[in-house]
Amino acid sequence: MIDRYLEEGEMFVLLEEGKLRTIAVVTKEPKRVFELKNIATETAYQRQGYGKAFLPIVVEQIRSQYSCVDVYTSVDDTNNQA
């Protein structure tokens, strides 16, 4: 799903010991607004706090690079596990 946004967005990756753990794609929208299109963690590392730790880093990078005001996302329950 992430590949749908790569041409219009920016990819951020979280590596641990050189191995991919979490990936995020953010797109620039009008009026200095950015949207987090997708964030995904390797299956073996889910529910260990990688996404939670990575998200503030991504937001800070966007804010520092672009002096943006807001970063948004939407929730798609089809990918969430109960």
C-alpha atoms as a PDB file:
ATOM      1  CA  MET A   1       0.000   0.000   0.000  1.00  0.00           C
ATOM      2  CA  ILE A   2       2.870   2.388   0.709  1.00  0.00           C
ATOM      3  CA  ASP A   3       3.998   2.298  -2.922  1.00  0.00           C
ATOM      4  CA  ARG A   4       0.750   4.108  -3.892  1.00  0.00           C
ATOM      5  CA  TYR A   5       2.074   7.291  -2.270  1.00  0.00           C
ATOM      6  CA  LEU A   6       5.785   7.179  -3.050  1.00  0.00           C
ATOM      7  CA  GLU A   7       5.676   9.399  -6.135  1.00  0.00           C
ATOM      8  CA  GLU A   8       3.837  12.180  -4.322  1.00  0.00           C
ATOM      9  CA  GLY A   9       5.271  11.730  -0.843  1.00  0.00           C
ATOM     10  CA  GLU A  10       8.379  11.404   1.228  1.00  0.00           C
ATOM     11  CA  MET A  11       9.444   8.110   2.787  1.00  0.00           C
ATOM     12  CA  PHE A  12      10.927   7.807   6.261  1.00  0.00           C
ATOM     13  CA  VAL A  13      12.489   4.612   7.569  1.00  0.00           C
ATOM     14  CA  LEU A  14      13.435   3.398  11.017  1.00  0.00           C
ATOM     15  CA  LEU A  15      16.426   1.086  11.035  1.00  0.00           C
ATOM     16  CA  GLU A  16      17.779  -0.894  13.947  1.00  0.00           C
ATOM     17  CA  GLU A  17      21.190  -2.480  13.541  1.00  0.00           C
ATOM     18  CA  GLY A  18      20.862  -1.825   9.806  1.00  0.00           C
ATOM     19  CA  LYS A  19      17.545  -3.704   9.559  1.00  0.00           C
ATOM     20  CA  LEU A  20      14.235  -2.143   8.554  1.00  0.00           C
ATOM     21  CA  ARG A  21      11.746  -1.950  11.401  1.00  0.00           C
ATOM     22  CA  THR A  22       9.202   0.743  10.482  1.00  0.00           C
ATOM     23  CA  ILE A  23       8.421   2.782   7.386  1.00  0.00           C
ATOM     24  CA  ALA A  24       6.221   5.847   6.915  1.00  0.00           C
ATOM     25  CA  VAL A  25       5.101   7.897   3.914  1.00  0.00           C
ATOM     26  CA  VAL A  26       3.992  11.512   4.248  1.00  0.00           C
ATOM     27  CA  THR A  27       2.535  13.713   1.495  1.00  0.00           C
ATOM     28  CA  LYS A  28       2.566  17.501   1.243  1.00  0.00           C
ATOM     29  CA  GLU A  29      -0.910  18.960   0.944  1.00  0.00           C
ATOM     30  CA  PRO A  30      -1.963  22.573   0.275  1.00  0.00           C
ATOM     31  CA  LYS A  31      -1.368  25.329   2.848  1.00  0.00           C
ATOM     32  CA  ARG A  32       1.655  23.778   4.567  1.00  0.00           C
ATOM     33  CA  VAL A  33      -0.327  20.755   5.710  1.00  0.00           C
ATOM     34  CA  PHE A  34       1.117  17.257   5.566  1.00  0.00           C
ATOM     35  CA  GLU A  35      -0.679  13.923   5.710  1.00  0.00           C
ATOM     36  CA  LEU A  36       0.740  10.726   7.103  1.00  0.00           C
ATOM     37  CA  LYS A  37      -0.465   8.325   4.437  1.00  0.00           C
ATOM     38  CA  ASN A  38       0.885   5.130   5.930  1.00  0.00           C
ATOM     39  CA  ILE A  39       3.054   3.804   8.707  1.00  0.00           C
ATOM     40  CA  ALA A  40       3.938   0.133   8.892  1.00  0.00           C
ATOM     41  CA  THR A  41       6.150  -1.998  11.095  1.00  0.00           C
ATOM     42  CA  GLU A  42       7.660  -5.342  10.127  1.00  0.00           C
ATOM     43  CA  THR A  43       5.338  -8.082  11.396  1.00  0.00           C
ATOM     44  CA  ALA A  44       7.888  -9.602  13.782  1.00  0.00           C
ATOM     45  CA  TYR A  45       8.358  -6.215  15.481  1.00  0.00           C
ATOM     46  CA  GLN A  46       4.748  -5.072  15.781  1.00  0.00           C
ATOM     47  CA  ARG A  47       3.330  -4.238  19.213  1.00  0.00           C
ATOM     48  CA  GLN A  48       6.806  -3.500  20.561  1.00  0.00           C
ATOM     49  CA  GLY A  49       6.573   0.291  20.400  1.00  0.00           C
ATOM     50  CA  TYR A  50       8.466   0.921  17.149  1.00  0.00           C
ATOM     51  CA  GLY A  51       5.635   2.821  15.465  1.00  0.00           C
ATOM     52  CA  LYS A  52       4.838   4.776  18.607  1.00  0.00           C
ATOM     53  CA  ALA A  53       8.481   5.813  18.991  1.00  0.00           C
ATOM     54  CA  PHE A  54       8.920   6.552  15.276  1.00  0.00           C
ATOM     55  CA  LEU A  55       5.871   8.762  14.747  1.00  0.00           C
ATOM     56  CA  PRO A  56       7.102  11.776  16.793  1.00  0.00           C
ATOM     57  CA  ILE A  57      10.447  11.575  14.976  1.00  0.00           C
ATOM     58  CA  VAL A  58       8.703  11.703  11.590  1.00  0.00           C
ATOM     59  CA  VAL A  59       6.514  14.634  12.658  1.00  0.00           C
ATOM     60  CA  GLU A  60       9.516  16.568  13.975  1.00  0.00           C
ATOM     61  CA  GLN A  61      11.452  15.938  10.748  1.00  0.00           C
ATOM     62  CA  ILE A  62       8.556  17.254   8.669  1.00  0.00           C
ATOM     63  CA  ARG A  63       8.140  20.323  10.854  1.00  0.00           C
ATOM     64  CA  SER A  64      11.848  21.124  10.784  1.00  0.00           C
ATOM     65  CA  GLN A  65      12.280  20.596   7.043  1.00  0.00           C
ATOM     66  CA  TYR A  66       9.182  22.405   5.852  1.00  0.00           C
ATOM     67  CA  SER A  67       8.140  24.714   8.694  1.00  0.00           C
ATOM     68  CA  CYS A  68       4.695  23.217   8.371  1.00  0.00           C
ATOM     69  CA  VAL A  69       1.852  23.892  10.694  1.00  0.00           C
ATOM     70  CA  ASP A  70      -0.036  20.584  10.884  1.00  0.00           C
ATOM     71  CA  VAL A  71       0.445  16.897  10.205  1.00  0.00           C
ATOM     72  CA  TYR A  72      -2.692  14.789   9.772  1.00  0.00           C
ATOM     73  CA  THR A  73      -3.634  11.177   9.303  1.00  0.00           C
ATOM     74  CA  SER A  74      -6.794   9.132   9.056  1.00  0.00           C
ATOM     75  CA  VAL A  75      -7.521   5.745  10.577  1.00  0.00           C
ATOM     76  CA  ASP A  76      -8.391   2.721   8.491  1.00  0.00           C
ATOM     77  CA  ASP A  77      -9.737   0.030  10.788  1.00  0.00           C
ATOM     78  CA  THR A  78      -9.278  -2.662   8.160  1.00  0.00           C
ATOM     79  CA  ASN A  79      -5.565  -2.893   9.032  1.00  0.00           C
ATOM     80  CA  ASN A  80      -5.924  -2.803  12.802  1.00  0.00           C
ATOM     81  CA  GLN A  81      -5.839  -5.961  14.865  1.00  0.00           C
ATOM     82  CA  ALA A  82      -8.105  -6.310  17.884  1.00  0.00           C
END
